[in-house]
Structures are given as C-alpha cells and as structure tokens.
Amino acid sequence: MTDPTMIERVARALCAVDNKDPNEFVDTPIPREVRVSVSPRPKVPLWTRYERHSRAAIEAMREPTRAMMDAGFLANPNTEGLAPPVYAWPAMIDAALAEEG
C-alpha cells in the first residue's frame, strides 16, 4: 500500500473538519454539462469531493511567509547550510499554523 498523496491527505482533513467520514462512499458527481442521469452511478470516497479545495489550499502555501522562512532556517540542526526538508518542512508548517489571521 502506498502513502496517500498530499492532496488526498488535505482533502481527508477538510472532509473531517466538516464532520464527515472521508471513507464514506457517495455517488459520483454528474458534471453540469451532462443532462442525462446515469444509473447506477459509480461510488467514490467522500474525500474525493474535496480534492479541488485541497489543491487550492496547497497552492496557497507555495510561497512561504516570512515566519515560515525563519522557522525553516532555525530548524537546521547543523550550524552551516540549509536545514534538510525533514526538519524545515514541519517547522515551516507549524509557523504557518501559528500565524494570526
């Protein structure tokens, strides 16, 4: 079994925030341009309905804030060079979550 993608992880979290079970199976949405109802419609996990929102949330984090950059820099266990992602990434996300607003 492979690890879920970041898009899936965020989509599942967004689903859970809405107090919904991400693993619940629901009907596949029918695009607006399709006027004919398909029966029975295939079932998909509910979290998949949050993928678009998940992608938007991740894209919004593409450019780190000053606080995130500072946290990533300070996460360096070495005195020289850049912090490895395994240290910088969690520190930067924690800084983002700590920001007001």
PDB file of N, CA and C in Angstrom:
ATOM      1  N   MET A   1       0.852  -1.183   0.000  1.00  0.00           N
ATOM      2  CA  MET A   1       0.000   0.000   0.000  1.00  0.00           C
ATOM      3  C   MET A   1       0.894   1.242   0.000  1.00  0.00           C
ATOM      4  N   THR A   2       0.582   2.180  -0.859  1.00  0.00           N
ATOM      5  CA  THR A   2       1.374   3.401  -0.950  1.00  0.00           C
ATOM      6  C   THR A   2       0.816   4.473  -0.020  1.00  0.00           C
ATOM      7  N   ASP A   3       1.686   5.394   0.318  1.00  0.00           N
ATOM      8  CA  ASP A   3       1.253   6.524   1.143  1.00  0.00           C
ATOM      9  C   ASP A   3       0.288   7.387   0.337  1.00  0.00           C
ATOM     10  N   PRO A   4      -0.730   7.972   1.000  1.00  0.00           N
ATOM     11  CA  PRO A   4      -1.626   8.871   0.270  1.00  0.00           C
ATOM     12  C   PRO A   4      -0.877  10.126  -0.176  1.00  0.00           C
ATOM     13  N   THR A   5      -1.313  10.690  -1.275  1.00  0.00           N
ATOM     14  CA  THR A   5      -0.713  11.938  -1.750  1.00  0.00           C
ATOM     15  C   THR A   5      -1.055  13.053  -0.773  1.00  0.00           C
ATOM     16  N   MET A   6      -0.329  14.170  -0.872  1.00  0.00           N
ATOM     17  CA  MET A   6      -0.632  15.318  -0.025  1.00  0.00           C
ATOM     18  C   MET A   6      -2.039  15.843  -0.343  1.00  0.00           C
ATOM     19  N   ILE A   7      -2.434  15.791  -1.620  1.00  0.00           N
ATOM     20  CA  ILE A   7      -3.784  16.242  -1.989  1.00  0.00           C
ATOM     21  C   ILE A   7      -4.830  15.400  -1.270  1.00  0.00           C
ATOM     22  N   GLU A   8      -4.636  14.083  -1.243  1.00  0.00           N
ATOM     23  CA  GLU A   8      -5.580  13.221  -0.534  1.00  0.00           C
ATOM     24  C   GLU A   8      -5.566  13.498   0.960  1.00  0.00           C
ATOM     25  N   ARG A   9      -4.379  13.677   1.541  1.00  0.00           N
ATOM     26  CA  ARG A   9      -4.290  13.926   2.981  1.00  0.00           C
ATOM     27  C   ARG A   9      -5.028  15.204   3.361  1.00  0.00           C
ATOM     28  N   VAL A  10      -4.831  16.263   2.576  1.00  0.00           N
ATOM     29  CA  VAL A  10      -5.511  17.531   2.862  1.00  0.00           C
ATOM     30  C   VAL A  10      -7.011  17.391   2.604  1.00  0.00           C
ATOM     31  N   ALA A  11      -7.390  16.702   1.541  1.00  0.00           N
ATOM     32  CA  ALA A  11      -8.815  16.505   1.237  1.00  0.00           C
ATOM     33  C   ALA A  11      -9.502  15.744   2.369  1.00  0.00           C
ATOM     34  N   ARG A  12      -8.844  14.736   2.889  1.00  0.00           N
ATOM     35  CA  ARG A  12      -9.416  13.979   4.009  1.00  0.00           C
ATOM     36  C   ARG A  12      -9.562  14.869   5.255  1.00  0.00           C
ATOM     37  N   ALA A  13      -8.572  15.710   5.500  1.00  0.00           N
ATOM     38  CA  ALA A  13      -8.638  16.619   6.644  1.00  0.00           C
ATOM     39  C   ALA A  13      -9.783  17.616   6.488  1.00  0.00           C
ATOM     40  N   LEU A  14      -9.955  18.162   5.277  1.00  0.00           N
ATOM     41  CA  LEU A  14     -11.053  19.102   5.026  1.00  0.00           C
ATOM     42  C   LEU A  14     -12.403  18.421   5.214  1.00  0.00           C
ATOM     43  N   CYS A  15     -12.494  17.201   4.762  1.00  0.00           N
ATOM     44  CA  CYS A  15     -13.725  16.425   4.926  1.00  0.00           C
ATOM     45  C   CYS A  15     -14.023  16.219   6.418  1.00  0.00           C
ATOM     46  N   ALA A  16     -13.002  15.857   7.176  1.00  0.00           N
ATOM     47  CA  ALA A  16     -13.172  15.634   8.612  1.00  0.00           C
ATOM     48  C   ALA A  16     -13.562  16.912   9.338  1.00  0.00           C
ATOM     49  N   VAL A  17     -13.028  18.060   8.900  1.00  0.00           N
ATOM     50  CA  VAL A  17     -13.388  19.344   9.508  1.00  0.00           C
ATOM     51  C   VAL A  17     -14.883  19.606   9.339  1.00  0.00           C
ATOM     52  N   ASP A  18     -15.447  19.124   8.251  1.00  0.00           N
ATOM     53  CA  ASP A  18     -16.892  19.246   8.008  1.00  0.00           C
ATOM     54  C   ASP A  18     -17.689  18.171   8.744  1.00  0.00           C
ATOM     55  N   ASN A  19     -17.020  17.456   9.651  1.00  0.00           N
ATOM     56  CA  ASN A  19     -17.651  16.372  10.427  1.00  0.00           C
ATOM     57  C   ASN A  19     -18.244  15.291   9.530  1.00  0.00           C
ATOM     58  N   LYS A  20     -17.526  14.973   8.465  1.00  0.00           N
ATOM     59  CA  LYS A  20     -17.958  13.916   7.551  1.00  0.00           C
ATOM     60  C   LYS A  20     -16.893  12.836   7.517  1.00  0.00           C
ATOM     61  N   ASP A  21     -17.326  11.626   7.255  1.00  0.00           N
ATOM     62  CA  ASP A  21     -16.421  10.485   7.183  1.00  0.00           C
ATOM     63  C   ASP A  21     -15.768  10.458   5.806  1.00  0.00           C
ATOM     64  N   PRO A  22     -14.450  10.702   5.727  1.00  0.00           N
ATOM     65  CA  PRO A  22     -13.785  10.725   4.422  1.00  0.00           C
ATOM     66  C   PRO A  22     -13.878   9.401   3.671  1.00  0.00           C
ATOM     67  N   ASN A  23     -14.086   8.295   4.401  1.00  0.00           N
ATOM     68  CA  ASN A  23     -14.142   6.977   3.783  1.00  0.00           C
ATOM     69  C   ASN A  23     -15.543   6.563   3.345  1.00  0.00           C
ATOM     70  N   GLU A  24     -16.534   7.387   3.631  1.00  0.00           N
ATOM     71  CA  GLU A  24     -17.905   7.077   3.198  1.00  0.00           C
ATOM     72  C   GLU A  24     -17.953   7.099   1.668  1.00  0.00           C
ATOM     73  N   PHE A  25     -18.650   6.134   1.093  1.00  0.00           N
ATOM     74  CA  PHE A  25     -18.782   6.104  -0.358  1.00  0.00           C
ATOM     75  C   PHE A  25     -20.071   6.812  -0.772  1.00  0.00           C
ATOM     76  N   VAL A  26     -19.933   7.696  -1.763  1.00  0.00           N
ATOM     77  CA  VAL A  26     -21.051   8.502  -2.261  1.00  0.00           C
ATOM     78  C   VAL A  26     -21.108   8.387  -3.779  1.00  0.00           C
ATOM     79  N   ASP A  27     -22.234   8.801  -4.349  1.00  0.00           N
ATOM     80  CA  ASP A  27     -22.374   8.775  -5.803  1.00  0.00           C
ATOM     81  C   ASP A  27     -21.366   9.705  -6.459  1.00  0.00           C
ATOM     82  N   THR A  28     -20.876   9.300  -7.605  1.00  0.00           N
ATOM     83  CA  THR A  28     -20.005  10.156  -8.400  1.00  0.00           C
ATOM     84  C   THR A  28     -20.801  11.376  -8.829  1.00  0.00           C
ATOM     85  N   PRO A  29     -20.261  12.583  -8.648  1.00  0.00           N
ATOM     86  CA  PRO A  29     -20.997  13.770  -9.091  1.00  0.00           C
ATOM     87  C   PRO A  29     -21.165  13.770 -10.612  1.00  0.00           C
ATOM     88  N   ILE A  30     -22.288  14.283 -11.066  1.00  0.00           N
ATOM     89  CA  ILE A  30     -22.539  14.414 -12.502  1.00  0.00           C
ATOM     90  C   ILE A  30     -22.202  15.846 -12.903  1.00  0.00           C
ATOM     91  N   PRO A  31     -21.313  16.016 -13.894  1.00  0.00           N
ATOM     92  CA  PRO A  31     -20.984  17.376 -14.336  1.00  0.00           C
ATOM     93  C   PRO A  31     -22.228  18.126 -14.815  1.00  0.00           C
ATOM     94  N   ARG A  32     -22.248  19.436 -14.619  1.00  0.00           N
ATOM     95  CA  ARG A  32     -23.409  20.251 -15.004  1.00  0.00           C
ATOM     96  C   ARG A  32     -23.764  20.118 -16.472  1.00  0.00           C
ATOM     97  N   GLU A  33     -22.727  19.955 -17.314  1.00  0.00           N
ATOM     98  CA  GLU A  33     -22.996  19.893 -18.750  1.00  0.00           C
ATOM     99  C   GLU A  33     -23.652  18.576 -19.163  1.00  0.00           C
ATOM    100  N   VAL A  34     -23.648  17.591 -18.279  1.00  0.00           N
ATOM    101  CA  VAL A  34     -24.301  16.320 -18.581  1.00  0.00           C
ATOM    102  C   VAL A  34     -25.739  16.397 -18.083  1.00  0.00           C
ATOM    103  N   ARG A  35     -26.670  16.248 -18.984  1.00  0.00           N
ATOM    104  CA  ARG A  35     -28.087  16.390 -18.632  1.00  0.00           C
ATOM    105  C   ARG A  35     -28.768  15.043 -18.368  1.00  0.00           C
ATOM    106  N   VAL A  36     -28.104  13.961 -18.746  1.00  0.00           N
ATOM    107  CA  VAL A  36     -28.698  12.641 -18.601  1.00  0.00           C
ATOM    108  C   VAL A  36     -28.223  12.028 -17.287  1.00  0.00           C
ATOM    109  N   SER A  37     -29.127  11.486 -16.541  1.00  0.00           N
ATOM    110  CA  SER A  37     -28.775  10.833 -15.285  1.00  0.00           C
ATOM    111  C   SER A  37     -28.282   9.419 -15.581  1.00  0.00           C
ATOM    112  N   VAL A  38     -27.171   9.081 -14.990  1.00  0.00           N
ATOM    113  CA  VAL A  38     -26.604   7.751 -15.144  1.00  0.00           C
ATOM    114  C   VAL A  38     -26.985   6.943 -13.913  1.00  0.00           C
ATOM    115  N   SER A  39     -27.561   5.774 -14.149  1.00  0.00           N
ATOM    116  CA  SER A  39     -27.997   4.976 -13.025  1.00  0.00           C
ATOM    117  C   SER A  39     -27.561   3.536 -13.244  1.00  0.00           C
ATOM    118  N   PRO A  40     -26.994   2.859 -12.321  1.00  0.00           N
ATOM    119  CA  PRO A  40     -26.491   3.430 -11.066  1.00  0.00           C
ATOM    120  C   PRO A  40     -25.158   4.138 -11.284  1.00  0.00           C
ATOM    121  N   ARG A  41     -24.970   5.194 -10.547  1.00  0.00           N
ATOM    122  CA  ARG A  41     -23.717   5.935 -10.658  1.00  0.00           C
ATOM    123  C   ARG A  41     -22.639   5.236  -9.831  1.00  0.00           C
ATOM    124  N   PRO A  42     -21.402   5.269 -10.316  1.00  0.00           N
ATOM    125  CA  PRO A  42     -20.315   4.669  -9.528  1.00  0.00           C
ATOM    126  C   PRO A  42     -20.145   5.395  -8.198  1.00  0.00           C
ATOM    127  N   LYS A  43     -19.700   4.658  -7.212  1.00  0.00           N
ATOM    128  CA  LYS A  43     -19.450   5.223  -5.882  1.00  0.00           C
ATOM    129  C   LYS A  43     -17.972   5.591  -5.753  1.00  0.00           C
ATOM    130  N   VAL A  44     -17.710   6.696  -5.058  1.00  0.00           N
ATOM    131  CA  VAL A  44     -16.346   7.156  -4.790  1.00  0.00           C
ATOM    132  C   VAL A  44     -16.255   7.567  -3.322  1.00  0.00           C
ATOM    133  N   PRO A  45     -15.054   7.541  -2.737  1.00  0.00           N
ATOM    134  CA  PRO A  45     -14.923   8.009  -1.349  1.00  0.00           C
ATOM    135  C   PRO A  45     -15.270   9.504  -1.253  1.00  0.00           C
ATOM    136  N   LEU A  46     -15.924   9.881  -0.169  1.00  0.00           N
ATOM    137  CA  LEU A  46     -16.361  11.264   0.013  1.00  0.00           C
ATOM    138  C   LEU A  46     -15.199  12.251  -0.059  1.00  0.00           C
ATOM    139  N   TRP A  47     -14.023  11.871   0.411  1.00  0.00           N
ATOM    140  CA  TRP A  47     -12.890  12.793   0.401  1.00  0.00           C
ATOM    141  C   TRP A  47     -12.563  13.283  -1.005  1.00  0.00           C
ATOM    142  N   THR A  48     -12.884  12.510  -2.029  1.00  0.00           N
ATOM    143  CA  THR A  48     -12.562  12.922  -3.399  1.00  0.00           C
ATOM    144  C   THR A  48     -13.326  14.183  -3.809  1.00  0.00           C
ATOM    145  N   ARG A  49     -14.428  14.455  -3.141  1.00  0.00           N
ATOM    146  CA  ARG A  49     -15.171  15.687  -3.436  1.00  0.00           C
ATOM    147  C   ARG A  49     -14.464  16.932  -2.894  1.00  0.00           C
ATOM    148  N   TYR A  50     -13.432  16.736  -2.104  1.00  0.00           N
ATOM    149  CA  TYR A  50     -12.674  17.841  -1.521  1.00  0.00           C
ATOM    150  C   TYR A  50     -11.339  18.058  -2.235  1.00  0.00           C
ATOM    151  N   GLU A  51     -11.071  17.310  -3.283  1.00  0.00           N
ATOM    152  CA  GLU A  51      -9.773  17.408  -3.963  1.00  0.00           C
ATOM    153  C   GLU A  51      -9.506  18.801  -4.521  1.00  0.00           C
ATOM    154  N   ARG A  52     -10.510  19.431  -5.099  1.00  0.00           N
ATOM    155  CA  ARG A  52     -10.324  20.767  -5.670  1.00  0.00           C
ATOM    156  C   ARG A  52      -9.948  21.771  -4.578  1.00  0.00           C
ATOM    157  N   HIS A  53     -10.610  21.695  -3.438  1.00  0.00           N
ATOM    158  CA  HIS A  53     -10.306  22.576  -2.315  1.00  0.00           C
ATOM    159  C   HIS A  53      -8.926  22.261  -1.738  1.00  0.00           C
ATOM    160  N   SER A  54      -8.599  20.993  -1.701  1.00  0.00           N
ATOM    161  CA  SER A  54      -7.298  20.565  -1.213  1.00  0.00           C
ATOM    162  C   SER A  54      -6.181  21.149  -2.073  1.00  0.00           C
ATOM    163  N   ARG A  55      -6.342  21.036  -3.372  1.00  0.00           N
ATOM    164  CA  ARG A  55      -5.334  21.554  -4.294  1.00  0.00           C
ATOM    165  C   ARG A  55      -5.182  23.070  -4.111  1.00  0.00           C
ATOM    166  N   ALA A  56      -6.289  23.777  -3.940  1.00  0.00           N
ATOM    167  CA  ALA A  56      -6.237  25.235  -3.749  1.00  0.00           C
ATOM    168  C   ALA A  56      -5.514  25.587  -2.453  1.00  0.00           C
ATOM    169  N   ALA A  57      -5.756  24.827  -1.394  1.00  0.00           N
ATOM    170  CA  ALA A  57      -5.090  25.096  -0.113  1.00  0.00           C
ATOM    171  C   ALA A  57      -3.588  24.880  -0.222  1.00  0.00           C
ATOM    172  N   ILE A  58      -3.202  23.807  -0.893  1.00  0.00           N
ATOM    173  CA  ILE A  58      -1.769  23.525  -1.052  1.00  0.00           C
ATOM    174  C   ILE A  58      -1.112  24.581  -1.936  1.00  0.00           C
ATOM    175  N   GLU A  59      -1.782  24.976  -3.010  1.00  0.00           N
ATOM    176  CA  GLU A  59      -1.232  26.016  -3.889  1.00  0.00           C
ATOM    177  C   GLU A  59      -1.043  27.336  -3.153  1.00  0.00           C
ATOM    178  N   ALA A  60      -1.942  27.639  -2.206  1.00  0.00           N
ATOM    179  CA  ALA A  60      -1.831  28.882  -1.442  1.00  0.00           C
ATOM    180  C   ALA A  60      -0.581  28.891  -0.559  1.00  0.00           C
ATOM    181  N   MET A  61      -0.041  27.722  -0.257  1.00  0.00           N
ATOM    182  CA  MET A  61       1.143  27.622   0.606  1.00  0.00           C
ATOM    183  C   MET A  61       2.438  27.579  -0.199  1.00  0.00           C
ATOM    184  N   ARG A  62       2.335  27.717  -1.507  1.00  0.00           N
ATOM    185  CA  ARG A  62       3.526  27.618  -2.360  1.00  0.00           C
ATOM    186  C   ARG A  62       4.598  28.622  -1.960  1.00  0.00           C
ATOM    187  N   GLU A  63       4.215  29.859  -1.715  1.00  0.00           N
ATOM    188  CA  GLU A  63       5.154  30.899  -1.305  1.00  0.00           C
ATOM    189  C   GLU A  63       5.107  31.022   0.211  1.00  0.00           C
ATOM    190  N   PRO A  64       6.188  30.667   0.905  1.00  0.00           N
ATOM    191  CA  PRO A  64       6.168  30.734   2.367  1.00  0.00           C
ATOM    192  C   PRO A  64       6.135  32.174   2.872  1.00  0.00           C
ATOM    193  N   THR A  65       5.562  32.351   4.036  1.00  0.00           N
ATOM    194  CA  THR A  65       5.574  33.656   4.697  1.00  0.00           C
ATOM    195  C   THR A  65       6.948  33.866   5.334  1.00  0.00           C
ATOM    196  N   ARG A  66       7.188  35.070   5.770  1.00  0.00           N
ATOM    197  CA  ARG A  66       8.453  35.386   6.438  1.00  0.00           C
ATOM    198  C   ARG A  66       8.629  34.494   7.669  1.00  0.00           C
ATOM    199  N   ALA A  67       7.560  34.318   8.444  1.00  0.00           N
ATOM    200  CA  ALA A  67       7.634  33.484   9.651  1.00  0.00           C
ATOM    201  C   ALA A  67       7.983  32.038   9.296  1.00  0.00           C
ATOM    202  N   MET A  68       7.443  31.545   8.195  1.00  0.00           N
ATOM    203  CA  MET A  68       7.753  30.179   7.765  1.00  0.00           C
ATOM    204  C   MET A  68       9.222  30.060   7.363  1.00  0.00           C
ATOM    205  N   MET A  69       9.715  31.049   6.628  1.00  0.00           N
ATOM    206  CA  MET A  69      11.126  31.007   6.212  1.00  0.00           C
ATOM    207  C   MET A  69      12.048  31.056   7.427  1.00  0.00           C
ATOM    208  N   ASP A  70      11.712  31.914   8.388  1.00  0.00           N
ATOM    209  CA  ASP A  70      12.518  31.999   9.605  1.00  0.00           C
ATOM    210  C   ASP A  70      12.513  30.666  10.351  1.00  0.00           C
ATOM    211  N   ALA A  71      11.346  30.056  10.481  1.00  0.00           N
ATOM    212  CA  ALA A  71      11.239  28.775  11.182  1.00  0.00           C
ATOM    213  C   ALA A  71      12.028  27.690  10.460  1.00  0.00           C
ATOM    214  N   GLY A  72      11.964  27.677   9.142  1.00  0.00           N
ATOM    215  CA  GLY A  72      12.717  26.698   8.372  1.00  0.00           C
ATOM    216  C   GLY A  72      14.210  26.874   8.564  1.00  0.00           C
ATOM    217  N   PHE A  73      14.649  28.110   8.608  1.00  0.00           N
ATOM    218  CA  PHE A  73      16.073  28.396   8.825  1.00  0.00           C
ATOM    219  C   PHE A  73      16.508  27.959  10.221  1.00  0.00           C
ATOM    220  N   LEU A  74      15.679  28.259  11.225  1.00  0.00           N
ATOM    221  CA  LEU A  74      16.024  27.935  12.607  1.00  0.00           C
ATOM    222  C   LEU A  74      15.944  26.441  12.902  1.00  0.00           C
ATOM    223  N   ALA A  75      15.273  25.682  12.046  1.00  0.00           N
ATOM    224  CA  ALA A  75      15.130  24.241  12.262  1.00  0.00           C
ATOM    225  C   ALA A  75      16.403  23.472  11.936  1.00  0.00           C
ATOM    226  N   ASN A  76      17.379  24.147  11.400  1.00  0.00           N
ATOM    227  CA  ASN A  76      18.612  23.493  10.980  1.00  0.00           C
ATOM    228  C   ASN A  76      19.377  22.954  12.194  1.00  0.00           C
ATOM    229  N   PRO A  77      19.570  21.632  12.269  1.00  0.00           N
ATOM    230  CA  PRO A  77      20.325  21.077  13.396  1.00  0.00           C
ATOM    231  C   PRO A  77      21.832  21.309  13.249  1.00  0.00           C
ATOM    232  N   ASN A  78      22.250  21.703  12.055  1.00  0.00           N
ATOM    233  CA  ASN A  78      23.664  21.993  11.797  1.00  0.00           C
ATOM    234  C   ASN A  78      23.876  23.499  11.902  1.00  0.00           C
ATOM    235  N   THR A  79      25.092  23.897  12.020  1.00  0.00           N
ATOM    236  CA  THR A  79      25.369  25.329  12.108  1.00  0.00           C
ATOM    237  C   THR A  79      25.629  25.947  10.744  1.00  0.00           C
ATOM    238  N   GLU A  80      25.773  25.125   9.727  1.00  0.00           N
ATOM    239  CA  GLU A  80      26.045  25.634   8.392  1.00  0.00           C
ATOM    240  C   GLU A  80      25.049  25.048   7.396  1.00  0.00           C
ATOM    241  N   GLY A  81      24.798  25.800   6.338  1.00  0.00           N
ATOM    242  CA  GLY A  81      23.942  25.304   5.265  1.00  0.00           C
ATOM    243  C   GLY A  81      22.466  25.396   5.584  1.00  0.00           C
ATOM    244  N   LEU A  82      21.676  24.889   4.668  1.00  0.00           N
ATOM    245  CA  LEU A  82      20.228  24.910   4.817  1.00  0.00           C
ATOM    246  C   LEU A  82      19.749  23.704   5.608  1.00  0.00           C
ATOM    247  N   ALA A  83      18.617  23.864   6.265  1.00  0.00           N
ATOM    248  CA  ALA A  83      18.037  22.754   7.011  1.00  0.00           C
ATOM    249  C   ALA A  83      17.508  21.707   6.038  1.00  0.00           C
ATOM    250  N   PRO A  84      17.740  20.435   6.321  1.00  0.00           N
ATOM    251  CA  PRO A  84      17.146  19.397   5.485  1.00  0.00           C
ATOM    252  C   PRO A  84      15.618  19.492   5.556  1.00  0.00           C
ATOM    253  N   PRO A  85      14.937  19.147   4.474  1.00  0.00           N
ATOM    254  CA  PRO A  85      13.472  19.252   4.471  1.00  0.00           C
ATOM    255  C   PRO A  85      12.791  18.538   5.628  1.00  0.00           C
ATOM    256  N   VAL A  86      13.363  17.427   6.083  1.00  0.00           N
ATOM    257  CA  VAL A  86      12.747  16.683   7.177  1.00  0.00           C
ATOM    258  C   VAL A  86      12.650  17.528   8.452  1.00  0.00           C
ATOM    259  N   TYR A  87      13.519  18.505   8.604  1.00  0.00           N
ATOM    260  CA  TYR A  87      13.457  19.421   9.749  1.00  0.00           C
ATOM    261  C   TYR A  87      12.738  20.719   9.388  1.00  0.00           C
ATOM    262  N   ALA A  88      13.031  21.243   8.213  1.00  0.00           N
ATOM    263  CA  ALA A  88      12.489  22.550   7.830  1.00  0.00           C
ATOM    264  C   ALA A  88      10.987  22.498   7.578  1.00  0.00           C
ATOM    265  N   TRP A  89      10.509  21.494   6.857  1.00  0.00           N
ATOM    266  CA  TRP A  89       9.094  21.435   6.471  1.00  0.00           C
ATOM    267  C   TRP A  89       8.164  21.464   7.684  1.00  0.00           C
ATOM    268  N   PRO A  90       8.308  20.585   8.681  1.00  0.00           N
ATOM    269  CA  PRO A  90       7.413  20.653   9.842  1.00  0.00           C
ATOM    270  C   PRO A  90       7.502  21.990  10.573  1.00  0.00           C
ATOM    271  N   ALA A  91       8.702  22.528  10.692  1.00  0.00           N
ATOM    272  CA  ALA A  91       8.864  23.816  11.376  1.00  0.00           C
ATOM    273  C   ALA A  91       8.148  24.923  10.614  1.00  0.00           C
ATOM    274  N   MET A  92       8.226  24.884   9.291  1.00  0.00           N
ATOM    275  CA  MET A  92       7.577  25.907   8.477  1.00  0.00           C
ATOM    276  C   MET A  92       6.055  25.786   8.553  1.00  0.00           C
ATOM    277  N   ILE A  93       5.546  24.573   8.533  1.00  0.00           N
ATOM    278  CA  ILE A  93       4.091  24.370   8.650  1.00  0.00           C
ATOM    279  C   ILE A  93       3.614  24.801  10.034  1.00  0.00           C
ATOM    280  N   ASP A  94       4.366  24.454  11.075  1.00  0.00           N
ATOM    281  CA  ASP A  94       3.999  24.894  12.429  1.00  0.00           C
ATOM    282  C   ASP A  94       3.955  26.420  12.513  1.00  0.00           C
ATOM    283  N   ALA A  95       4.912  27.081  11.874  1.00  0.00           N
ATOM    284  CA  ALA A  95       4.920  28.554  11.869  1.00  0.00           C
ATOM    285  C   ALA A  95       3.700  29.095  11.146  1.00  0.00           C
ATOM    286  N   ALA A  96       3.321  28.477  10.041  1.00  0.00           N
ATOM    287  CA  ALA A  96       2.138  28.916   9.304  1.00  0.00           C
ATOM    288  C   ALA A  96       0.882  28.757  10.143  1.00  0.00           C
ATOM    289  N   LEU A  97       0.780  27.650  10.860  1.00  0.00           N
ATOM    290  CA  LEU A  97      -0.398  27.407  11.694  1.00  0.00           C
ATOM    291  C   LEU A  97      -0.453  28.341  12.897  1.00  0.00           C
ATOM    292  N   ALA A  98       0.691  28.842  13.328  1.00  0.00           N
ATOM    293  CA  ALA A  98       0.751  29.748  14.481  1.00  0.00           C
ATOM    294  C   ALA A  98       0.436  31.197  14.114  1.00  0.00           C
ATOM    295  N   GLU A  99       0.451  31.508  12.819  1.00  0.00           N
ATOM    296  CA  GLU A  99       0.201  32.893  12.396  1.00  0.00           C
ATOM    297  C   GLU A  99      -1.250  33.272  12.675  1.00  0.00           C
ATOM    298  N   GLU A 100      -1.434  34.522  13.038  1.00  0.00           N
ATOM    299  CA  GLU A 100      -2.777  35.062  13.269  1.00  0.00           C
ATOM    300  C   GLU A 100      -3.455  35.352  11.941  1.00  0.00           C
ATOM    301  N   GLY A 101      -4.758  35.241  11.892  1.00  0.00           N
ATOM    302  CA  GLY A 101      -5.454  35.649  10.679  1.00  0.00           C
ATOM    303  C   GLY A 101      -6.115  34.550  10.045  1.00  0.00           C
TER     304      GLY A 101
END
